[in-house]
């Protein structure tokens, strides 16, 4: 049901711009108003989530540790897995953000023949996640060439590197196909693995299908159903310059496919702050990762530990001594 609901939702999302631009001529709505609304929702949502996380009290240091803490001089400390200073935290955070170190270290227990308990990792999951994130980042950076004039040199270099194989005309960009393949693997894994399928919700499938549709429509426009790139760039530059204007000749080629692609992107951008995808920002504010483990070296006092009026047992006994005696409850004083 979760898979069917997610697929149906994504199909309906794709039909909306198709009908809106072919039957009702709502190109201005789907080309200008909705993208601006999506960006506004994205910015407000991200600020809201970050402020909410920032207000969460963290009275004690609770870093996740995987190695020896700093103790006596003759005991070797694991400076990365259990950092005791800012430098160690920065290195660990960099490995986490750039290489997904914790995902690479994830293990699972399996009962083999014998019987014997064996531990293994998830190398394919780690690789798929790495490919997915870097391919997505590459696609996003490459698309900046539509919004910037002149195009910065590093975007042009990245595009050349992405099309390094120089296969096909137009040249096949590796990032688009890598993104599609990685998302497909993540979806198939959720379906094939029974334990993972059991705990998966519609909120887990919907972003995968949404990204699949974004990558799929992008591939279709680039290699199969051509669009007028000049008109697309003209629209993108006008949006980036806050002087929105639809091209005079419209979007050439199969116009509804472009608006479908743009609408999928707008939905993802608006959905991003309120979904699990927001972990990309939350990792920077996670106290289990961004804190040094100095619990033995420094005494941490809870700043919210204000004086509280308590009712001691002696006071309790003074208040209810007679009732306790009648109930034959022992008292410390007669």
C-alpha atoms as a PDB file:
ATOM      1  CA  UNK A   1       0.000   0.000   0.000  1.00  0.00           C
ATOM      2  CA  UNK A   2       2.825   2.427   0.800  1.00  0.00           C
ATOM      3  CA  UNK A   3       4.483   1.767  -2.562  1.00  0.00           C
ATOM      4  CA  UNK A   4       1.198   2.035  -4.472  1.00  0.00           C
ATOM      5  CA  UNK A   5       0.260   5.263  -2.694  1.00  0.00           C
ATOM      6  CA  UNK A   6       3.671   6.811  -3.431  1.00  0.00           C
ATOM      7  CA  UNK A   7       3.539   5.803  -7.104  1.00  0.00           C
ATOM      8  CA  UNK A   8       0.013   7.153  -7.477  1.00  0.00           C
ATOM      9  CA  UNK A   9       1.001  10.438  -5.829  1.00  0.00           C
ATOM     10  CA  UNK A  10       3.988  10.889  -8.133  1.00  0.00           C
ATOM     11  CA  UNK A  11       1.882  10.050 -11.218  1.00  0.00           C
ATOM     12  CA  UNK A  12      -0.745  12.624 -10.207  1.00  0.00           C
ATOM     13  CA  UNK A  13       1.997  15.205  -9.642  1.00  0.00           C
ATOM     14  CA  UNK A  14       3.248  14.550 -13.170  1.00  0.00           C
ATOM     15  CA  UNK A  15      -0.228  14.813 -14.715  1.00  0.00           C
ATOM     16  CA  UNK A  16      -0.943  18.206 -13.133  1.00  0.00           C
ATOM     17  CA  UNK A  17       1.578  20.231 -15.223  1.00  0.00           C
ATOM     18  CA  UNK A  18       0.846  18.154 -18.317  1.00  0.00           C
ATOM     19  CA  UNK A  19      -2.856  19.029 -18.181  1.00  0.00           C
ATOM     20  CA  UNK A  20      -2.176  22.550 -16.953  1.00  0.00           C
ATOM     21  CA  UNK A  21       0.168  23.468 -19.806  1.00  0.00           C
ATOM     22  CA  UNK A  22      -1.445  21.584 -22.687  1.00  0.00           C
ATOM     23  CA  UNK A  23      -5.153  22.020 -21.960  1.00  0.00           C
ATOM     24  CA  UNK A  24      -5.396  25.172 -19.823  1.00  0.00           C
ATOM     25  CA  UNK A  25      -2.271  27.151 -20.885  1.00  0.00           C
ATOM     26  CA  UNK A  26      -1.002  27.715 -17.354  1.00  0.00           C
ATOM     27  CA  UNK A  27       2.646  28.050 -18.377  1.00  0.00           C
ATOM     28  CA  UNK A  28       3.077  31.183 -16.241  1.00  0.00           C
ATOM     29  CA  UNK A  29       1.824  29.325 -13.162  1.00  0.00           C
ATOM     30  CA  UNK A  30       4.078  26.293 -13.612  1.00  0.00           C
ATOM     31  CA  UNK A  31       7.052  28.180 -15.018  1.00  0.00           C
ATOM     32  CA  UNK A  32       7.222  31.141 -12.628  1.00  0.00           C
ATOM     33  CA  UNK A  33       4.775  31.200  -9.701  1.00  0.00           C
ATOM     34  CA  UNK A  34       5.220  27.612  -8.503  1.00  0.00           C
ATOM     35  CA  UNK A  35       9.063  27.651  -8.663  1.00  0.00           C
ATOM     36  CA  UNK A  36       9.158  30.891  -6.663  1.00  0.00           C
ATOM     37  CA  UNK A  37       6.653  29.490  -4.133  1.00  0.00           C
ATOM     38  CA  UNK A  38       8.716  26.311  -3.792  1.00  0.00           C
ATOM     39  CA  UNK A  39      11.913  28.262  -3.083  1.00  0.00           C
ATOM     40  CA  UNK A  40      10.137  30.436  -0.491  1.00  0.00           C
ATOM     41  CA  UNK A  41       8.707  27.367   1.254  1.00  0.00           C
ATOM     42  CA  UNK A  42      12.140  25.749   1.150  1.00  0.00           C
ATOM     43  CA  UNK A  43      13.898  28.734   2.748  1.00  0.00           C
ATOM     44  CA  UNK A  44      11.250  29.247   5.436  1.00  0.00           C
ATOM     45  CA  UNK A  45      11.134  25.519   6.163  1.00  0.00           C
ATOM     46  CA  UNK A  46      14.898  25.196   6.496  1.00  0.00           C
ATOM     47  CA  UNK A  47      15.092  28.222   8.804  1.00  0.00           C
ATOM     48  CA  UNK A  48      12.221  26.849  10.896  1.00  0.00           C
ATOM     49  CA  UNK A  49      13.831  23.419  11.274  1.00  0.00           C
ATOM     50  CA  UNK A  50      17.270  24.827  12.099  1.00  0.00           C
ATOM     51  CA  UNK A  51      15.889  27.267  14.667  1.00  0.00           C
ATOM     52  CA  UNK A  52      13.814  24.486  16.219  1.00  0.00           C
ATOM     53  CA  UNK A  53      16.841  22.205  16.437  1.00  0.00           C
ATOM     54  CA  UNK A  54      18.975  25.044  17.752  1.00  0.00           C
ATOM     55  CA  UNK A  55      16.538  25.631  20.618  1.00  0.00           C
ATOM     56  CA  UNK A  56      16.683  21.989  21.703  1.00  0.00           C
ATOM     57  CA  UNK A  57      18.495  21.851  25.068  1.00  0.00           C
ATOM     58  CA  UNK A  58      21.715  19.842  25.216  1.00  0.00           C
ATOM     59  CA  UNK A  59      22.774  20.135  28.858  1.00  0.00           C
ATOM     60  CA  UNK A  60      25.314  17.315  28.638  1.00  0.00           C
ATOM     61  CA  UNK A  61      27.774  16.103  26.031  1.00  0.00           C
ATOM     62  CA  UNK A  62      26.374  12.995  24.365  1.00  0.00           C
ATOM     63  CA  UNK A  63      28.724  12.219  21.451  1.00  0.00           C
ATOM     64  CA  UNK A  64      28.550   8.798  19.832  1.00  0.00           C
ATOM     65  CA  UNK A  65      31.899   7.126  20.471  1.00  0.00           C
ATOM     66  CA  UNK A  66      33.516   4.136  18.776  1.00  0.00           C
ATOM     67  CA  UNK A  67      36.963   4.110  20.346  1.00  0.00           C
ATOM     68  CA  UNK A  68      39.064   4.722  23.429  1.00  0.00           C
ATOM     69  CA  UNK A  69      38.379   7.961  25.272  1.00  0.00           C
ATOM     70  CA  UNK A  70      41.184  10.262  26.395  1.00  0.00           C
ATOM     71  CA  UNK A  71      42.183   9.121  29.868  1.00  0.00           C
ATOM     72  CA  UNK A  72      45.622   8.319  31.300  1.00  0.00           C
ATOM     73  CA  UNK A  73      48.769   9.258  29.336  1.00  0.00           C
ATOM     74  CA  UNK A  74      49.805   5.617  28.797  1.00  0.00           C
ATOM     75  CA  UNK A  75      46.408   4.647  27.282  1.00  0.00           C
ATOM     76  CA  UNK A  76      46.251   5.376  23.561  1.00  0.00           C
ATOM     77  CA  UNK A  77      43.269   7.517  22.583  1.00  0.00           C
ATOM     78  CA  UNK A  78      41.311   7.157  19.347  1.00  0.00           C
ATOM     79  CA  UNK A  79      41.421  10.821  18.355  1.00  0.00           C
ATOM     80  CA  UNK A  80      38.929  10.529  15.484  1.00  0.00           C
ATOM     81  CA  UNK A  81      36.358   8.059  16.804  1.00  0.00           C
ATOM     82  CA  UNK A  82      36.410   9.602  20.280  1.00  0.00           C
ATOM     83  CA  UNK A  83      37.665  13.187  19.861  1.00  0.00           C
ATOM     84  CA  UNK A  84      38.503  15.311  22.863  1.00  0.00           C
ATOM     85  CA  UNK A  85      39.072  18.605  21.042  1.00  0.00           C
ATOM     86  CA  UNK A  86      37.701  20.686  18.170  1.00  0.00           C
ATOM     87  CA  UNK A  87      40.252  19.398  15.644  1.00  0.00           C
ATOM     88  CA  UNK A  88      39.166  15.816  16.214  1.00  0.00           C
ATOM     89  CA  UNK A  89      35.511  16.793  15.881  1.00  0.00           C
ATOM     90  CA  UNK A  90      36.171  18.591  12.581  1.00  0.00           C
ATOM     91  CA  UNK A  91      37.976  15.546  11.167  1.00  0.00           C
ATOM     92  CA  UNK A  92      35.220  13.188  12.261  1.00  0.00           C
ATOM     93  CA  UNK A  93      32.502  15.470  10.891  1.00  0.00           C
ATOM     94  CA  UNK A  94      34.371  15.805   7.592  1.00  0.00           C
ATOM     95  CA  UNK A  95      34.635  12.024   7.241  1.00  0.00           C
ATOM     96  CA  UNK A  96      30.953  11.691   8.091  1.00  0.00           C
ATOM     97  CA  UNK A  97      29.759  14.340   5.652  1.00  0.00           C
ATOM     98  CA  UNK A  98      32.121  13.620   2.759  1.00  0.00           C
ATOM     99  CA  UNK A  99      32.565   9.839   3.047  1.00  0.00           C
ATOM    100  CA  UNK A 100      29.569   8.610   5.136  1.00  0.00           C
ATOM    101  CA  UNK A 101      31.950   6.924   7.573  1.00  0.00           C
ATOM    102  CA  UNK A 102      29.275   5.752  10.016  1.00  0.00           C
ATOM    103  CA  UNK A 103      27.308   4.100   7.196  1.00  0.00           C
ATOM    104  CA  UNK A 104      30.474   2.339   6.017  1.00  0.00           C
ATOM    105  CA  UNK A 105      31.076   1.047   9.552  1.00  0.00           C
ATOM    106  CA  UNK A 106      27.521  -0.242   9.995  1.00  0.00           C
ATOM    107  CA  UNK A 107      27.427  -3.977  10.696  1.00  0.00           C
ATOM    108  CA  UNK A 108      24.737  -6.626  10.894  1.00  0.00           C
ATOM    109  CA  UNK A 109      24.609  -9.990  12.644  1.00  0.00           C
ATOM    110  CA  UNK A 110      23.646 -13.133  10.737  1.00  0.00           C
ATOM    111  CA  UNK A 111      23.231 -16.717  11.902  1.00  0.00           C
ATOM    112  CA  UNK A 112      25.235 -19.001   9.621  1.00  0.00           C
ATOM    113  CA  UNK A 113      25.348 -22.780   9.374  1.00  0.00           C
ATOM    114  CA  UNK A 114      26.889 -24.455  12.338  1.00  0.00           C
ATOM    115  CA  UNK A 115      25.219 -22.524  13.925  1.00  0.00           C
ATOM    116  CA  UNK A 116      27.590 -19.605  14.222  1.00  0.00           C
ATOM    117  CA  UNK A 117      27.073 -15.880  14.520  1.00  0.00           C
ATOM    118  CA  UNK A 118      28.779 -13.817  11.825  1.00  0.00           C
ATOM    119  CA  UNK A 119      29.045 -10.076  11.436  1.00  0.00           C
ATOM    120  CA  UNK A 120      29.066  -8.297   8.076  1.00  0.00           C
ATOM    121  CA  UNK A 121      28.716  -4.816   6.684  1.00  0.00           C
ATOM    122  CA  UNK A 122      26.669  -3.032   4.026  1.00  0.00           C
ATOM    123  CA  UNK A 123      29.292  -2.078   1.405  1.00  0.00           C
ATOM    124  CA  UNK A 124      26.777  -1.883  -1.464  1.00  0.00           C
ATOM    125  CA  UNK A 125      24.459   0.360   0.543  1.00  0.00           C
ATOM    126  CA  UNK A 126      27.372   2.634   1.417  1.00  0.00           C
ATOM    127  CA  UNK A 127      28.499   2.756  -2.229  1.00  0.00           C
ATOM    128  CA  UNK A 128      24.972   3.435  -3.524  1.00  0.00           C
ATOM    129  CA  UNK A 129      24.481   6.221  -0.975  1.00  0.00           C
ATOM    130  CA  UNK A 130      27.827   7.741  -1.901  1.00  0.00           C
ATOM    131  CA  UNK A 131      27.057   7.605  -5.634  1.00  0.00           C
ATOM    132  CA  UNK A 132      23.556   8.989  -5.090  1.00  0.00           C
ATOM    133  CA  UNK A 133      24.628  12.023  -3.072  1.00  0.00           C
ATOM    134  CA  UNK A 134      27.608  12.961  -5.230  1.00  0.00           C
ATOM    135  CA  UNK A 135      25.690  12.392  -8.467  1.00  0.00           C
ATOM    136  CA  UNK A 136      22.843  14.557  -7.161  1.00  0.00           C
ATOM    137  CA  UNK A 137      25.316  17.265  -6.147  1.00  0.00           C
ATOM    138  CA  UNK A 138      26.949  17.141  -9.577  1.00  0.00           C
ATOM    139  CA  UNK A 139      23.584  17.438 -11.338  1.00  0.00           C
ATOM    140  CA  UNK A 140      22.599  20.431  -9.193  1.00  0.00           C
ATOM    141  CA  UNK A 141      25.904  22.226  -9.797  1.00  0.00           C
ATOM    142  CA  UNK A 142      25.756  21.526 -13.543  1.00  0.00           C
ATOM    143  CA  UNK A 143      22.273  23.022 -13.730  1.00  0.00           C
ATOM    144  CA  UNK A 144      23.585  26.305 -12.353  1.00  0.00           C
ATOM    145  CA  UNK A 145      24.821  27.069 -15.868  1.00  0.00           C
ATOM    146  CA  UNK A 146      21.201  27.791 -16.798  1.00  0.00           C
ATOM    147  CA  UNK A 147      20.917  30.471 -14.114  1.00  0.00           C
ATOM    148  CA  UNK A 148      24.301  32.189 -14.308  1.00  0.00           C
ATOM    149  CA  UNK A 149      25.610  34.420 -17.058  1.00  0.00           C
ATOM    150  CA  UNK A 150      28.519  34.180 -17.599  1.00  0.00           C
ATOM    151  CA  UNK A 151      28.939  30.566 -16.493  1.00  0.00           C
ATOM    152  CA  UNK A 152      31.675  30.195 -13.831  1.00  0.00           C
ATOM    153  CA  UNK A 153      34.712  28.228 -14.955  1.00  0.00           C
ATOM    154  CA  UNK A 154      34.351  25.483 -12.342  1.00  0.00           C
ATOM    155  CA  UNK A 155      30.867  24.602 -13.619  1.00  0.00           C
ATOM    156  CA  UNK A 156      32.237  24.233 -17.147  1.00  0.00           C
ATOM    157  CA  UNK A 157      35.079  22.055 -15.847  1.00  0.00           C
ATOM    158  CA  UNK A 158      32.630  19.903 -13.905  1.00  0.00           C
ATOM    159  CA  UNK A 159      30.472  19.454 -17.016  1.00  0.00           C
ATOM    160  CA  UNK A 160      33.533  18.355 -19.009  1.00  0.00           C
ATOM    161  CA  UNK A 161      34.502  15.906 -16.283  1.00  0.00           C
ATOM    162  CA  UNK A 162      30.944  14.581 -16.104  1.00  0.00           C
ATOM    163  CA  UNK A 163      30.993  13.912 -19.852  1.00  0.00           C
ATOM    164  CA  UNK A 164      34.552  12.589 -19.818  1.00  0.00           C
ATOM    165  CA  UNK A 165      33.682   9.453 -21.808  1.00  0.00           C
ATOM    166  CA  UNK A 166      32.453  11.620 -24.723  1.00  0.00           C
ATOM    167  CA  UNK A 167      29.906   9.013 -25.773  1.00  0.00           C
ATOM    168  CA  UNK A 168      26.816   9.946 -27.788  1.00  0.00           C
ATOM    169  CA  UNK A 169      25.524  13.219 -29.107  1.00  0.00           C
ATOM    170  CA  UNK A 170      24.717  15.093 -26.987  1.00  0.00           C
ATOM    171  CA  UNK A 171      27.442  13.693 -24.751  1.00  0.00           C
ATOM    172  CA  UNK A 172      26.162  11.332 -22.079  1.00  0.00           C
ATOM    173  CA  UNK A 173      26.532  12.837 -18.631  1.00  0.00           C
ATOM    174  CA  UNK A 174      27.539  10.172 -16.130  1.00  0.00           C
ATOM    175  CA  UNK A 175      25.885  11.894 -13.168  1.00  0.00           C
ATOM    176  CA  UNK A 176      22.353  11.620 -14.541  1.00  0.00           C
ATOM    177  CA  UNK A 177      22.579   7.877 -15.173  1.00  0.00           C
ATOM    178  CA  UNK A 178      24.465   7.304 -11.905  1.00  0.00           C
ATOM    179  CA  UNK A 179      21.732   9.150 -10.012  1.00  0.00           C
ATOM    180  CA  UNK A 180      18.996   7.091 -11.668  1.00  0.00           C
ATOM    181  CA  UNK A 181      20.839   3.813 -11.009  1.00  0.00           C
ATOM    182  CA  UNK A 182      21.613   4.633  -7.359  1.00  0.00           C
ATOM    183  CA  UNK A 183      18.027   5.627  -6.553  1.00  0.00           C
ATOM    184  CA  UNK A 184      16.770   2.486  -8.299  1.00  0.00           C
ATOM    185  CA  UNK A 185      19.070   0.363  -6.134  1.00  0.00           C
ATOM    186  CA  UNK A 186      17.894   2.081  -2.937  1.00  0.00           C
ATOM    187  CA  UNK A 187      14.270   1.426  -3.918  1.00  0.00           C
ATOM    188  CA  UNK A 188      14.854  -2.222  -4.902  1.00  0.00           C
ATOM    189  CA  UNK A 189      16.712  -2.808  -1.639  1.00  0.00           C
ATOM    190  CA  UNK A 190      13.741  -1.533   0.337  1.00  0.00           C
ATOM    191  CA  UNK A 191      11.462  -3.928  -1.513  1.00  0.00           C
ATOM    192  CA  UNK A 192      13.696  -7.005  -1.536  1.00  0.00           C
ATOM    193  CA  UNK A 193      14.899  -6.958   2.081  1.00  0.00           C
ATOM    194  CA  UNK A 194      11.924  -8.141   4.210  1.00  0.00           C
ATOM    195  CA  UNK A 195      12.996  -6.375   7.413  1.00  0.00           C
ATOM    196  CA  UNK A 196      13.489  -3.095   5.573  1.00  0.00           C
ATOM    197  CA  UNK A 197      10.227  -3.417   3.674  1.00  0.00           C
ATOM    198  CA  UNK A 198       8.372  -4.016   6.954  1.00  0.00           C
ATOM    199  CA  UNK A 199       9.521  -0.733   8.507  1.00  0.00           C
ATOM    200  CA  UNK A 200       9.299   1.370   5.307  1.00  0.00           C
ATOM    201  CA  UNK A 201       6.570   3.981   5.088  1.00  0.00           C
ATOM    202  CA  UNK A 202       5.178   6.072   2.267  1.00  0.00           C
ATOM    203  CA  UNK A 203       7.505   8.857   3.430  1.00  0.00           C
ATOM    204  CA  UNK A 204      10.431   6.557   2.572  1.00  0.00           C
ATOM    205  CA  UNK A 205       9.223   5.638  -0.931  1.00  0.00           C
ATOM    206  CA  UNK A 206       7.834   8.999  -2.043  1.00  0.00           C
ATOM    207  CA  UNK A 207      11.186  10.876  -2.211  1.00  0.00           C
ATOM    208  CA  UNK A 208      12.747   7.981  -4.117  1.00  0.00           C
ATOM    209  CA  UNK A 209      10.011   7.995  -6.760  1.00  0.00           C
ATOM    210  CA  UNK A 210      10.115  11.786  -6.915  1.00  0.00           C
ATOM    211  CA  UNK A 211      13.868  11.803  -7.562  1.00  0.00           C
ATOM    212  CA  UNK A 212      13.476   8.957 -10.075  1.00  0.00           C
ATOM    213  CA  UNK A 213      10.963  11.069 -11.994  1.00  0.00           C
ATOM    214  CA  UNK A 214      13.247  14.106 -11.893  1.00  0.00           C
ATOM    215  CA  UNK A 215      16.173  12.080 -13.230  1.00  0.00           C
ATOM    216  CA  UNK A 216      13.973  10.268 -15.749  1.00  0.00           C
ATOM    217  CA  UNK A 217      12.389  13.381 -17.228  1.00  0.00           C
ATOM    218  CA  UNK A 218      15.795  15.050 -17.361  1.00  0.00           C
ATOM    219  CA  UNK A 219      17.247  12.114 -19.297  1.00  0.00           C
ATOM    220  CA  UNK A 220      14.271  12.102 -21.660  1.00  0.00           C
ATOM    221  CA  UNK A 221      14.647  15.806 -22.402  1.00  0.00           C
ATOM    222  CA  UNK A 222      18.398  15.598 -22.968  1.00  0.00           C
ATOM    223  CA  UNK A 223      18.620  12.473 -25.117  1.00  0.00           C
ATOM    224  CA  UNK A 224      15.201  11.672 -26.609  1.00  0.00           C
ATOM    225  CA  UNK A 225      12.711  14.567 -26.702  1.00  0.00           C
ATOM    226  CA  UNK A 226      14.643  17.748 -27.310  1.00  0.00           C
ATOM    227  CA  UNK A 227      13.700  21.092 -25.809  1.00  0.00           C
ATOM    228  CA  UNK A 228      14.840  24.543 -26.773  1.00  0.00           C
ATOM    229  CA  UNK A 229      17.798  25.000 -24.417  1.00  0.00           C
ATOM    230  CA  UNK A 230      18.050  28.705 -25.279  1.00  0.00           C
ATOM    231  CA  UNK A 231      14.466  29.266 -24.163  1.00  0.00           C
ATOM    232  CA  UNK A 232      15.022  27.248 -21.000  1.00  0.00           C
ATOM    233  CA  UNK A 233      18.105  29.296 -20.171  1.00  0.00           C
ATOM    234  CA  UNK A 234      16.242  32.527 -20.880  1.00  0.00           C
ATOM    235  CA  UNK A 235      13.536  31.510 -18.404  1.00  0.00           C
ATOM    236  CA  UNK A 236      16.060  30.388 -15.788  1.00  0.00           C
ATOM    237  CA  UNK A 237      18.105  33.623 -16.010  1.00  0.00           C
ATOM    238  CA  UNK A 238      14.936  35.704 -15.674  1.00  0.00           C
ATOM    239  CA  UNK A 239      13.941  33.743 -12.562  1.00  0.00           C
ATOM    240  CA  UNK A 240      17.393  34.115 -11.017  1.00  0.00           C
ATOM    241  CA  UNK A 241      17.375  37.867 -11.751  1.00  0.00           C
ATOM    242  CA  UNK A 242      13.900  38.311 -10.190  1.00  0.00           C
ATOM    243  CA  UNK A 243      12.603  39.556 -13.515  1.00  0.00           C
ATOM    244  CA  UNK A 244      10.485  36.538 -14.455  1.00  0.00           C
ATOM    245  CA  UNK A 245       9.416  36.321 -18.054  1.00  0.00           C
ATOM    246  CA  UNK A 246       8.362  33.431 -20.224  1.00  0.00           C
ATOM    247  CA  UNK A 247      10.255  33.151 -23.528  1.00  0.00           C
ATOM    248  CA  UNK A 248       8.422  34.771 -26.431  1.00  0.00           C
ATOM    249  CA  UNK A 249       8.417  31.522 -28.396  1.00  0.00           C
ATOM    250  CA  UNK A 250       7.578  29.400 -25.373  1.00  0.00           C
ATOM    251  CA  UNK A 251       9.606  26.321 -24.490  1.00  0.00           C
ATOM    252  CA  UNK A 252      10.437  24.542 -27.720  1.00  0.00           C
ATOM    253  CA  UNK A 253      10.138  20.820 -28.309  1.00  0.00           C
ATOM    254  CA  UNK A 254       7.905  18.799 -25.995  1.00  0.00           C
ATOM    255  CA  UNK A 255       6.956  21.647 -23.685  1.00  0.00           C
ATOM    256  CA  UNK A 256       4.872  19.654 -21.225  1.00  0.00           C
ATOM    257  CA  UNK A 257       7.900  17.427 -20.436  1.00  0.00           C
ATOM    258  CA  UNK A 258       9.918  20.465 -19.371  1.00  0.00           C
ATOM    259  CA  UNK A 259       7.121  21.771 -17.147  1.00  0.00           C
ATOM    260  CA  UNK A 260       6.681  18.275 -15.714  1.00  0.00           C
ATOM    261  CA  UNK A 261      10.386  18.174 -14.869  1.00  0.00           C
ATOM    262  CA  UNK A 262      10.265  21.654 -13.352  1.00  0.00           C
ATOM    263  CA  UNK A 263       7.157  20.801 -11.318  1.00  0.00           C
ATOM    264  CA  UNK A 264       8.771  17.640  -9.941  1.00  0.00           C
ATOM    265  CA  UNK A 265      11.785  19.701  -8.904  1.00  0.00           C
ATOM    266  CA  UNK A 266       9.532  22.325  -7.284  1.00  0.00           C
ATOM    267  CA  UNK A 267       7.663  19.671  -5.300  1.00  0.00           C
ATOM    268  CA  UNK A 268      10.943  18.171  -4.099  1.00  0.00           C
ATOM    269  CA  UNK A 269      12.303  21.584  -3.103  1.00  0.00           C
ATOM    270  CA  UNK A 270       9.135  22.454  -1.147  1.00  0.00           C
ATOM    271  CA  UNK A 271       8.950  18.989   0.427  1.00  0.00           C
ATOM    272  CA  UNK A 272      12.624  18.899   1.410  1.00  0.00           C
ATOM    273  CA  UNK A 273      12.556  20.796   4.770  1.00  0.00           C
ATOM    274  CA  UNK A 274       9.650  18.741   6.125  1.00  0.00           C
ATOM    275  CA  UNK A 275      10.948  15.309   5.162  1.00  0.00           C
ATOM    276  CA  UNK A 276      13.713  12.917   6.106  1.00  0.00           C
ATOM    277  CA  UNK A 277      15.816  14.547   3.401  1.00  0.00           C
ATOM    278  CA  UNK A 278      16.495  17.329   5.886  1.00  0.00           C
ATOM    279  CA  UNK A 279      19.094  15.070   7.520  1.00  0.00           C
ATOM    280  CA  UNK A 280      21.560  16.805   5.204  1.00  0.00           C
ATOM    281  CA  UNK A 281      21.224  19.889   7.379  1.00  0.00           C
ATOM    282  CA  UNK A 282      20.532  18.148  10.655  1.00  0.00           C
ATOM    283  CA  UNK A 283      23.849  16.330  10.706  1.00  0.00           C
ATOM    284  CA  UNK A 284      25.627  19.622  11.371  1.00  0.00           C
ATOM    285  CA  UNK A 285      23.506  20.174  14.493  1.00  0.00           C
ATOM    286  CA  UNK A 286      23.618  16.623  15.821  1.00  0.00           C
ATOM    287  CA  UNK A 287      25.109  16.632  19.356  1.00  0.00           C
ATOM    288  CA  UNK A 288      26.087  12.980  18.916  1.00  0.00           C
ATOM    289  CA  UNK A 289      28.526  14.067  16.187  1.00  0.00           C
ATOM    290  CA  UNK A 290      29.510  17.700  16.687  1.00  0.00           C
ATOM    291  CA  UNK A 291      30.599  17.527  20.331  1.00  0.00           C
ATOM    292  CA  UNK A 292      33.969  16.522  21.753  1.00  0.00           C
ATOM    293  CA  UNK A 293      33.914  13.867  24.457  1.00  0.00           C
ATOM    294  CA  UNK A 294      35.271  15.696  27.496  1.00  0.00           C
ATOM    295  CA  UNK A 295      32.998  14.173  30.111  1.00  0.00           C
ATOM    296  CA  UNK A 296      35.921  12.922  32.209  1.00  0.00           C
ATOM    297  CA  UNK A 297      38.075  16.029  31.838  1.00  0.00           C
ATOM    298  CA  UNK A 298      35.426  18.685  32.449  1.00  0.00           C
ATOM    299  CA  UNK A 299      32.511  18.707  34.858  1.00  0.00           C
ATOM    300  CA  UNK A 300      29.443  19.727  32.927  1.00  0.00           C
ATOM    301  CA  UNK A 301      26.777  21.473  34.963  1.00  0.00           C
ATOM    302  CA  UNK A 302      23.246  21.596  33.624  1.00  0.00           C
ATOM    303  CA  UNK A 303      22.466  25.290  32.988  1.00  0.00           C
ATOM    304  CA  UNK A 304      18.760  24.518  33.432  1.00  0.00           C
ATOM    305  CA  UNK A 305      19.322  22.904  36.841  1.00  0.00           C
ATOM    306  CA  UNK A 306      17.666  25.727  38.762  1.00  0.00           C
ATOM    307  CA  UNK A 307      16.780  25.330  42.499  1.00  0.00           C
ATOM    308  CA  UNK A 308      13.690  23.219  43.010  1.00  0.00           C
ATOM    309  CA  UNK A 309      11.665  23.131  46.237  1.00  0.00           C
ATOM    310  CA  UNK A 310      11.609  19.533  47.429  1.00  0.00           C
ATOM    311  CA  UNK A 311       9.582  17.719  50.084  1.00  0.00           C
ATOM    312  CA  UNK A 312      11.989  15.590  52.150  1.00  0.00           C
ATOM    313  CA  UNK A 313      11.032  12.334  53.804  1.00  0.00           C
ATOM    314  CA  UNK A 314      11.434  13.910  57.257  1.00  0.00           C
ATOM    315  CA  UNK A 315       8.929  16.617  56.291  1.00  0.00           C
ATOM    316  CA  UNK A 316       6.649  13.989  54.796  1.00  0.00           C
ATOM    317  CA  UNK A 317       6.753  12.002  58.043  1.00  0.00           C
ATOM    318  CA  UNK A 318       6.023  15.110  60.098  1.00  0.00           C
ATOM    319  CA  UNK A 319       2.961  15.818  57.964  1.00  0.00           C
ATOM    320  CA  UNK A 320       1.540  12.282  58.040  1.00  0.00           C
ATOM    321  CA  UNK A 321       3.001  10.700  61.217  1.00  0.00           C
ATOM    322  CA  UNK A 322      -0.336   9.993  62.881  1.00  0.00           C
ATOM    323  CA  UNK A 323      -1.852   8.508  59.731  1.00  0.00           C
ATOM    324  CA  UNK A 324       1.240   6.327  59.260  1.00  0.00           C
ATOM    325  CA  UNK A 325       0.986   5.033  62.837  1.00  0.00           C
ATOM    326  CA  UNK A 326      -2.688   4.213  62.376  1.00  0.00           C
ATOM    327  CA  UNK A 327      -1.807   2.306  59.201  1.00  0.00           C
ATOM    328  CA  UNK A 328       1.031   0.562  61.117  1.00  0.00           C
ATOM    329  CA  UNK A 329       3.668   2.012  58.830  1.00  0.00           C
ATOM    330  CA  UNK A 330       7.073   2.253  60.595  1.00  0.00           C
ATOM    331  CA  UNK A 331       8.204   5.777  61.392  1.00  0.00           C
ATOM    332  CA  UNK A 332      11.704   6.971  62.219  1.00  0.00           C
ATOM    333  CA  UNK A 333      10.582   9.203  65.091  1.00  0.00           C
ATOM    334  CA  UNK A 334       7.731   8.805  67.562  1.00  0.00           C
END
